């Protein structure tokens, strides 16, 4: 029988709105490729649809330059 993630991982993740992110961890030729995949996942934003009509997604941080945030926005929309 399958169990739902909140039941397996604990309510702490979901109460703080820290949702698990799916990451491919198999099929890499070497450890460097796996490391690159994990770093990419850690630096990404994961979008989950909620129940309301409004959504927001983080595309930048305060220390980033305008061009960097713009580039991140274009990637998020594409």
PDB file of N, CA and C in Angstrom:
ATOM      1  N   UNK A   1       0.843  -1.173   0.000  1.00  0.00           N
ATOM      2  CA  UNK A   1       0.000   0.000   0.000  1.00  0.00           C
ATOM      3  C   UNK A   1       0.892   1.242   0.000  1.00  0.00           C
ATOM      4  N   UNK A   2       0.550   2.215  -0.823  1.00  0.00           N
ATOM      5  CA  UNK A   2       1.306   3.452  -0.916  1.00  0.00           C
ATOM      6  C   UNK A   2       0.865   4.423   0.172  1.00  0.00           C
ATOM      7  N   UNK A   3       1.832   5.172   0.688  1.00  0.00           N
ATOM      8  CA  UNK A   3       1.531   6.203   1.679  1.00  0.00           C
ATOM      9  C   UNK A   3       1.828   7.564   1.068  1.00  0.00           C
ATOM     10  N   UNK A   4       1.125   8.541   1.519  1.00  0.00           N
ATOM     11  CA  UNK A   4       1.318   9.902   1.032  1.00  0.00           C
ATOM     12  C   UNK A   4       2.579  10.497   1.670  1.00  0.00           C
ATOM     13  N   UNK A   5       3.215  11.436   0.975  1.00  0.00           N
ATOM     14  CA  UNK A   5       4.455  12.033   1.469  1.00  0.00           C
ATOM     15  C   UNK A   5       4.327  12.702   2.836  1.00  0.00           C
ATOM     16  N   UNK A   6       3.258  13.468   3.115  1.00  0.00           N
ATOM     17  CA  UNK A   6       3.194  14.085   4.450  1.00  0.00           C
ATOM     18  C   UNK A   6       3.230  13.058   5.572  1.00  0.00           C
ATOM     19  N   UNK A   7       2.610  11.925   5.329  1.00  0.00           N
ATOM     20  CA  UNK A   7       2.591  10.867   6.345  1.00  0.00           C
ATOM     21  C   UNK A   7       3.976  10.267   6.539  1.00  0.00           C
ATOM     22  N   UNK A   8       4.734  10.123   5.454  1.00  0.00           N
ATOM     23  CA  UNK A   8       6.059   9.519   5.533  1.00  0.00           C
ATOM     24  C   UNK A   8       7.132  10.497   6.011  1.00  0.00           C
ATOM     25  N   UNK A   9       7.073  11.728   5.546  1.00  0.00           N
ATOM     26  CA  UNK A   9       8.137  12.690   5.828  1.00  0.00           C
ATOM     27  C   UNK A   9       7.890  13.513   7.086  1.00  0.00           C
ATOM     28  N   UNK A  10       6.667  13.595   7.502  1.00  0.00           N
ATOM     29  CA  UNK A  10       6.361  14.383   8.680  1.00  0.00           C
ATOM     30  C   UNK A  10       5.745  15.715   8.326  1.00  0.00           C
ATOM     31  N   UNK A  11       4.916  16.197   9.226  1.00  0.00           N
ATOM     32  CA  UNK A  11       4.184  17.434   8.962  1.00  0.00           C
ATOM     33  C   UNK A  11       5.069  18.673   8.992  1.00  0.00           C
ATOM     34  N   UNK A  12       6.302  18.569   9.525  1.00  0.00           N
ATOM     35  CA  UNK A  12       7.181  19.737   9.615  1.00  0.00           C
ATOM     36  C   UNK A  12       7.478  20.330   8.250  1.00  0.00           C
ATOM     37  N   UNK A  13       7.690  19.471   7.242  1.00  0.00           N
ATOM     38  CA  UNK A  13       7.965  19.958   5.889  1.00  0.00           C
ATOM     39  C   UNK A  13       6.798  20.782   5.372  1.00  0.00           C
ATOM     40  N   UNK A  14       5.608  20.270   5.539  1.00  0.00           N
ATOM     41  CA  UNK A  14       4.442  20.895   4.956  1.00  0.00           C
ATOM     42  C   UNK A  14       3.945  22.086   5.767  1.00  0.00           C
ATOM     43  N   UNK A  15       4.125  22.081   7.061  1.00  0.00           N
ATOM     44  CA  UNK A  15       3.696  23.216   7.869  1.00  0.00           C
ATOM     45  C   UNK A  15       4.577  24.444   7.600  1.00  0.00           C
ATOM     46  N   UNK A  16       5.815  24.240   7.210  1.00  0.00           N
ATOM     47  CA  UNK A  16       6.727  25.341   6.875  1.00  0.00           C
ATOM     48  C   UNK A  16       6.766  25.615   5.376  1.00  0.00           C
ATOM     49  N   UNK A  17       5.854  24.961   4.630  1.00  0.00           N
ATOM     50  CA  UNK A  17       5.776  25.083   3.168  1.00  0.00           C
ATOM     51  C   UNK A  17       7.100  24.730   2.501  1.00  0.00           C
ATOM     52  N   UNK A  18       7.774  23.705   3.008  1.00  0.00           N
ATOM     53  CA  UNK A  18       8.996  23.170   2.413  1.00  0.00           C
ATOM     54  C   UNK A  18       8.632  21.838   1.781  1.00  0.00           C
ATOM     55  N   UNK A  19       8.285  21.878   0.505  1.00  0.00           N
ATOM     56  CA  UNK A  19       7.828  20.683  -0.177  1.00  0.00           C
ATOM     57  C   UNK A  19       9.012  19.930  -0.772  1.00  0.00           C
ATOM     58  N   UNK A  20       8.950  18.616  -0.811  1.00  0.00           N
ATOM     59  CA  UNK A  20      10.047  17.842  -1.418  1.00  0.00           C
ATOM     60  C   UNK A  20      10.124  18.110  -2.917  1.00  0.00           C
ATOM     61  N   UNK A  21      11.324  18.125  -3.428  1.00  0.00           N
ATOM     62  CA  UNK A  21      11.559  18.390  -4.845  1.00  0.00           C
ATOM     63  C   UNK A  21      12.043  17.108  -5.513  1.00  0.00           C
ATOM     64  N   UNK A  22      11.399  16.675  -6.603  1.00  0.00           N
ATOM     65  CA  UNK A  22      11.875  15.463  -7.282  1.00  0.00           C
ATOM     66  C   UNK A  22      13.214  15.716  -7.975  1.00  0.00           C
ATOM     67  N   UNK A  23      14.171  14.832  -7.759  1.00  0.00           N
ATOM     68  CA  UNK A  23      15.498  14.959  -8.343  1.00  0.00           C
ATOM     69  C   UNK A  23      15.919  13.589  -8.888  1.00  0.00           C
ATOM     70  N   UNK A  24      16.368  13.574 -10.127  1.00  0.00           N
ATOM     71  CA  UNK A  24      16.881  12.340 -10.718  1.00  0.00           C
ATOM     72  C   UNK A  24      18.261  12.068 -10.134  1.00  0.00           C
ATOM     73  N   UNK A  25      18.466  10.896  -9.539  1.00  0.00           N
ATOM     74  CA  UNK A  25      19.757  10.580  -8.918  1.00  0.00           C
ATOM     75  C   UNK A  25      20.373   9.298  -9.475  1.00  0.00           C
ATOM     76  N   UNK A  26      19.850   8.803 -10.593  1.00  0.00           N
ATOM     77  CA  UNK A  26      20.430   7.592 -11.172  1.00  0.00           C
ATOM     78  C   UNK A  26      20.688   7.804 -12.671  1.00  0.00           C
ATOM     79  N   UNK A  27      21.535   6.966 -13.233  1.00  0.00           N
ATOM     80  CA  UNK A  27      21.825   7.022 -14.657  1.00  0.00           C
ATOM     81  C   UNK A  27      22.923   7.995 -15.051  1.00  0.00           C
ATOM     82  N   UNK A  28      23.706   8.450 -14.112  1.00  0.00           N
ATOM     83  CA  UNK A  28      24.798   9.367 -14.425  1.00  0.00           C
ATOM     84  C   UNK A  28      26.081   8.576 -14.638  1.00  0.00           C
ATOM     85  N   UNK A  29      26.939   9.096 -15.497  1.00  0.00           N
ATOM     86  CA  UNK A  29      28.180   8.397 -15.830  1.00  0.00           C
ATOM     87  C   UNK A  29      29.226   8.510 -14.732  1.00  0.00           C
ATOM     88  N   UNK A  30      29.212   9.625 -14.006  1.00  0.00           N
ATOM     89  CA  UNK A  30      30.200   9.799 -12.940  1.00  0.00           C
ATOM     90  C   UNK A  30      29.619  10.688 -11.838  1.00  0.00           C
ATOM     91  N   UNK A  31      30.378  10.820 -10.782  1.00  0.00           N
ATOM     92  CA  UNK A  31      29.924  11.578  -9.616  1.00  0.00           C
ATOM     93  C   UNK A  31      29.796  13.070  -9.911  1.00  0.00           C
ATOM     94  N   UNK A  32      30.589  13.588 -10.831  1.00  0.00           N
ATOM     95  CA  UNK A  32      30.522  15.015 -11.176  1.00  0.00           C
ATOM     96  C   UNK A  32      29.166  15.367 -11.802  1.00  0.00           C
ATOM     97  N   UNK A  33      28.636  14.478 -12.656  1.00  0.00           N
ATOM     98  CA  UNK A  33      27.335  14.721 -13.272  1.00  0.00           C
ATOM     99  C   UNK A  33      26.228  14.713 -12.212  1.00  0.00           C
ATOM    100  N   UNK A  34      26.298  13.781 -11.279  1.00  0.00           N
ATOM    101  CA  UNK A  34      25.331  13.728 -10.186  1.00  0.00           C
ATOM    102  C   UNK A  34      25.432  14.983  -9.322  1.00  0.00           C
ATOM    103  N   UNK A  35      26.652  15.404  -9.031  1.00  0.00           N
ATOM    104  CA  UNK A  35      26.859  16.610  -8.236  1.00  0.00           C
ATOM    105  C   UNK A  35      26.256  17.830  -8.939  1.00  0.00           C
ATOM    106  N   UNK A  36      26.456  17.927 -10.252  1.00  0.00           N
ATOM    107  CA  UNK A  36      25.900  19.040 -11.016  1.00  0.00           C
ATOM    108  C   UNK A  36      24.371  19.019 -10.964  1.00  0.00           C
ATOM    109  N   UNK A  37      23.776  17.831 -11.061  1.00  0.00           N
ATOM    110  CA  UNK A  37      22.325  17.694 -10.993  1.00  0.00           C
ATOM    111  C   UNK A  37      21.792  18.131  -9.634  1.00  0.00           C
ATOM    112  N   UNK A  38      22.451  17.729  -8.563  1.00  0.00           N
ATOM    113  CA  UNK A  38      22.018  18.098  -7.212  1.00  0.00           C
ATOM    114  C   UNK A  38      22.186  19.597  -6.965  1.00  0.00           C
ATOM    115  N   UNK A  39      23.279  20.180  -7.446  1.00  0.00           N
ATOM    116  CA  UNK A  39      23.485  21.617  -7.304  1.00  0.00           C
ATOM    117  C   UNK A  39      22.436  22.410  -8.079  1.00  0.00           C
ATOM    118  N   UNK A  40      22.092  21.917  -9.263  1.00  0.00           N
ATOM    119  CA  UNK A  40      21.067  22.580 -10.066  1.00  0.00           C
ATOM    120  C   UNK A  40      19.717  22.532  -9.347  1.00  0.00           C
ATOM    121  N   UNK A  41      19.384  21.389  -8.764  1.00  0.00           N
ATOM    122  CA  UNK A  41      18.124  21.262  -8.031  1.00  0.00           C
ATOM    123  C   UNK A  41      18.103  22.157  -6.801  1.00  0.00           C
ATOM    124  N   UNK A  42      19.222  22.262  -6.107  1.00  0.00           N
ATOM    125  CA  UNK A  42      19.290  23.090  -4.903  1.00  0.00           C
ATOM    126  C   UNK A  42      19.148  24.570  -5.223  1.00  0.00           C
ATOM    127  N   UNK A  43      19.565  24.970  -6.418  1.00  0.00           N
ATOM    128  CA  UNK A  43      19.502  26.375  -6.804  1.00  0.00           C
ATOM    129  C   UNK A  43      18.212  26.723  -7.544  1.00  0.00           C
ATOM    130  N   UNK A  44      17.329  25.757  -7.721  1.00  0.00           N
ATOM    131  CA  UNK A  44      16.106  25.968  -8.487  1.00  0.00           C
ATOM    132  C   UNK A  44      14.924  26.297  -7.585  1.00  0.00           C
ATOM    133  N   UNK A  45      13.854  26.718  -8.221  1.00  0.00           N
ATOM    134  CA  UNK A  45      12.589  26.957  -7.541  1.00  0.00           C
ATOM    135  C   UNK A  45      11.606  25.919  -8.029  1.00  0.00           C
ATOM    136  N   UNK A  46      10.865  25.315  -7.114  1.00  0.00           N
ATOM    137  CA  UNK A  46       9.884  24.303  -7.458  1.00  0.00           C
ATOM    138  C   UNK A  46       8.503  24.914  -7.299  1.00  0.00           C
ATOM    139  N   UNK A  47       7.690  24.857  -8.334  1.00  0.00           N
ATOM    140  CA  UNK A  47       6.378  25.487  -8.336  1.00  0.00           C
ATOM    141  C   UNK A  47       5.295  24.439  -8.120  1.00  0.00           C
ATOM    142  N   UNK A  48       4.427  24.686  -7.145  1.00  0.00           N
ATOM    143  CA  UNK A  48       3.290  23.801  -6.897  1.00  0.00           C
ATOM    144  C   UNK A  48       2.012  24.621  -6.980  1.00  0.00           C
ATOM    145  N   UNK A  49       1.037  24.107  -7.697  1.00  0.00           N
ATOM    146  CA  UNK A  49      -0.237  24.790  -7.798  1.00  0.00           C
ATOM    147  C   UNK A  49      -0.988  24.693  -6.483  1.00  0.00           C
ATOM    148  N   UNK A  50      -1.532  25.797  -6.054  1.00  0.00           N
ATOM    149  CA  UNK A  50      -2.337  25.821  -4.847  1.00  0.00           C
ATOM    150  C   UNK A  50      -3.811  25.841  -5.193  1.00  0.00           C
ATOM    151  N   UNK A  51      -4.643  26.228  -4.241  1.00  0.00           N
ATOM    152  CA  UNK A  51      -6.082  26.249  -4.456  1.00  0.00           C
ATOM    153  C   UNK A  51      -6.610  27.618  -4.858  1.00  0.00           C
ATOM    154  N   UNK A  52      -5.837  28.650  -4.703  1.00  0.00           N
ATOM    155  CA  UNK A  52      -6.298  30.002  -4.976  1.00  0.00           C
ATOM    156  C   UNK A  52      -6.024  30.456  -6.396  1.00  0.00           C
ATOM    157  N   UNK A  53      -6.510  31.660  -6.736  1.00  0.00           N
ATOM    158  CA  UNK A  53      -6.311  32.179  -8.092  1.00  0.00           C
ATOM    159  C   UNK A  53      -4.977  32.895  -8.295  1.00  0.00           C
ATOM    160  N   UNK A  54      -4.246  33.166  -7.217  1.00  0.00           N
ATOM    161  CA  UNK A  54      -2.980  33.904  -7.310  1.00  0.00           C
ATOM    162  C   UNK A  54      -1.807  33.000  -6.973  1.00  0.00           C
ATOM    163  N   UNK A  55      -0.732  33.173  -7.725  1.00  0.00           N
ATOM    164  CA  UNK A  55       0.469  32.377  -7.507  1.00  0.00           C
ATOM    165  C   UNK A  55       1.683  33.283  -7.523  1.00  0.00           C
ATOM    166  N   UNK A  56       2.699  32.908  -6.798  1.00  0.00           N
ATOM    167  CA  UNK A  56       3.953  33.648  -6.843  1.00  0.00           C
ATOM    168  C   UNK A  56       5.095  32.649  -6.896  1.00  0.00           C
ATOM    169  N   UNK A  57       6.190  33.100  -7.482  1.00  0.00           N
ATOM    170  CA  UNK A  57       7.368  32.251  -7.580  1.00  0.00           C
ATOM    171  C   UNK A  57       8.589  33.146  -7.387  1.00  0.00           C
ATOM    172  N   UNK A  58       9.556  32.656  -6.667  1.00  0.00           N
ATOM    173  CA  UNK A  58      10.764  33.426  -6.385  1.00  0.00           C
ATOM    174  C   UNK A  58      11.724  33.294  -7.566  1.00  0.00           C
ATOM    175  N   UNK A  59      12.153  34.428  -8.104  1.00  0.00           N
ATOM    176  CA  UNK A  59      13.059  34.409  -9.251  1.00  0.00           C
ATOM    177  C   UNK A  59      14.374  35.122  -8.990  1.00  0.00           C
ATOM    178  N   UNK A  60      14.551  35.668  -7.794  1.00  0.00           N
ATOM    179  CA  UNK A  60      15.791  36.370  -7.514  1.00  0.00           C
ATOM    180  C   UNK A  60      15.966  36.627  -6.033  1.00  0.00           C
ATOM    181  N   UNK A  61      17.142  37.121  -5.712  1.00  0.00           N
ATOM    182  CA  UNK A  61      17.476  37.482  -4.338  1.00  0.00           C
ATOM    183  C   UNK A  61      17.934  38.929  -4.317  1.00  0.00           C
ATOM    184  N   UNK A  62      17.932  39.531  -3.163  1.00  0.00           N
ATOM    185  CA  UNK A  62      18.227  40.958  -3.060  1.00  0.00           C
ATOM    186  C   UNK A  62      19.645  41.319  -3.478  1.00  0.00           C
ATOM    187  N   UNK A  63      20.578  40.395  -3.365  1.00  0.00           N
ATOM    188  CA  UNK A  63      21.963  40.710  -3.726  1.00  0.00           C
ATOM    189  C   UNK A  63      22.227  40.594  -5.225  1.00  0.00           C
ATOM    190  N   UNK A  64      21.267  40.075  -5.991  1.00  0.00           N
ATOM    191  CA  UNK A  64      21.465  39.911  -7.429  1.00  0.00           C
ATOM    192  C   UNK A  64      21.255  41.228  -8.165  1.00  0.00           C
ATOM    193  N   UNK A  65      21.926  41.351  -9.285  1.00  0.00           N
ATOM    194  CA  UNK A  65      21.790  42.533 -10.128  1.00  0.00           C
ATOM    195  C   UNK A  65      20.500  42.419 -10.954  1.00  0.00           C
ATOM    196  N   UNK A  66      20.050  43.570 -11.478  1.00  0.00           N
ATOM    197  CA  UNK A  66      18.808  43.621 -12.253  1.00  0.00           C
ATOM    198  C   UNK A  66      18.829  42.645 -13.431  1.00  0.00           C
ATOM    199  N   UNK A  67      19.953  42.576 -14.129  1.00  0.00           N
ATOM    200  CA  UNK A  67      20.047  41.701 -15.294  1.00  0.00           C
ATOM    201  C   UNK A  67      19.919  40.230 -14.904  1.00  0.00           C
ATOM    202  N   UNK A  68      20.481  39.860 -13.764  1.00  0.00           N
ATOM    203  CA  UNK A  68      20.387  38.477 -13.291  1.00  0.00           C
ATOM    204  C   UNK A  68      18.946  38.113 -12.967  1.00  0.00           C
ATOM    205  N   UNK A  69      18.235  39.011 -12.294  1.00  0.00           N
ATOM    206  CA  UNK A  69      16.832  38.757 -11.955  1.00  0.00           C
ATOM    207  C   UNK A  69      15.995  38.699 -13.230  1.00  0.00           C
ATOM    208  N   UNK A  70      16.292  39.572 -14.190  1.00  0.00           N
ATOM    209  CA  UNK A  70      15.598  39.536 -15.467  1.00  0.00           C
ATOM    210  C   UNK A  70      15.804  38.232 -16.200  1.00  0.00           C
ATOM    211  N   UNK A  71      17.039  37.752 -16.202  1.00  0.00           N
ATOM    212  CA  UNK A  71      17.356  36.468 -16.854  1.00  0.00           C
ATOM    213  C   UNK A  71      16.629  35.325 -16.149  1.00  0.00           C
ATOM    214  N   UNK A  72      16.603  35.349 -14.809  1.00  0.00           N
ATOM    215  CA  UNK A  72      15.890  34.328 -14.060  1.00  0.00           C
ATOM    216  C   UNK A  72      14.392  34.353 -14.366  1.00  0.00           C
ATOM    217  N   UNK A  73      13.837  35.558 -14.502  1.00  0.00           N
ATOM    218  CA  UNK A  73      12.416  35.696 -14.815  1.00  0.00           C
ATOM    219  C   UNK A  73      12.101  35.106 -16.171  1.00  0.00           C
ATOM    220  N   UNK A  74      12.946  35.399 -17.165  1.00  0.00           N
ATOM    221  CA  UNK A  74      12.724  34.829 -18.504  1.00  0.00           C
ATOM    222  C   UNK A  74      12.814  33.307 -18.487  1.00  0.00           C
ATOM    223  N   UNK A  75      13.748  32.761 -17.717  1.00  0.00           N
ATOM    224  CA  UNK A  75      13.862  31.311 -17.631  1.00  0.00           C
ATOM    225  C   UNK A  75      12.653  30.703 -16.930  1.00  0.00           C
ATOM    226  N   UNK A  76      12.139  31.375 -15.908  1.00  0.00           N
ATOM    227  CA  UNK A  76      10.972  30.870 -15.177  1.00  0.00           C
ATOM    228  C   UNK A  76       9.734  30.878 -16.065  1.00  0.00           C
ATOM    229  N   UNK A  77       9.617  31.856 -16.942  1.00  0.00           N
ATOM    230  CA  UNK A  77       8.458  31.940 -17.820  1.00  0.00           C
ATOM    231  C   UNK A  77       8.551  31.011 -19.020  1.00  0.00           C
ATOM    232  N   UNK A  78       9.769  30.619 -19.370  1.00  0.00           N
ATOM    233  CA  UNK A  78       9.970  29.810 -20.580  1.00  0.00           C
ATOM    234  C   UNK A  78       9.897  28.390 -20.372  1.00  0.00           C
TER     235      UNK A  78
END
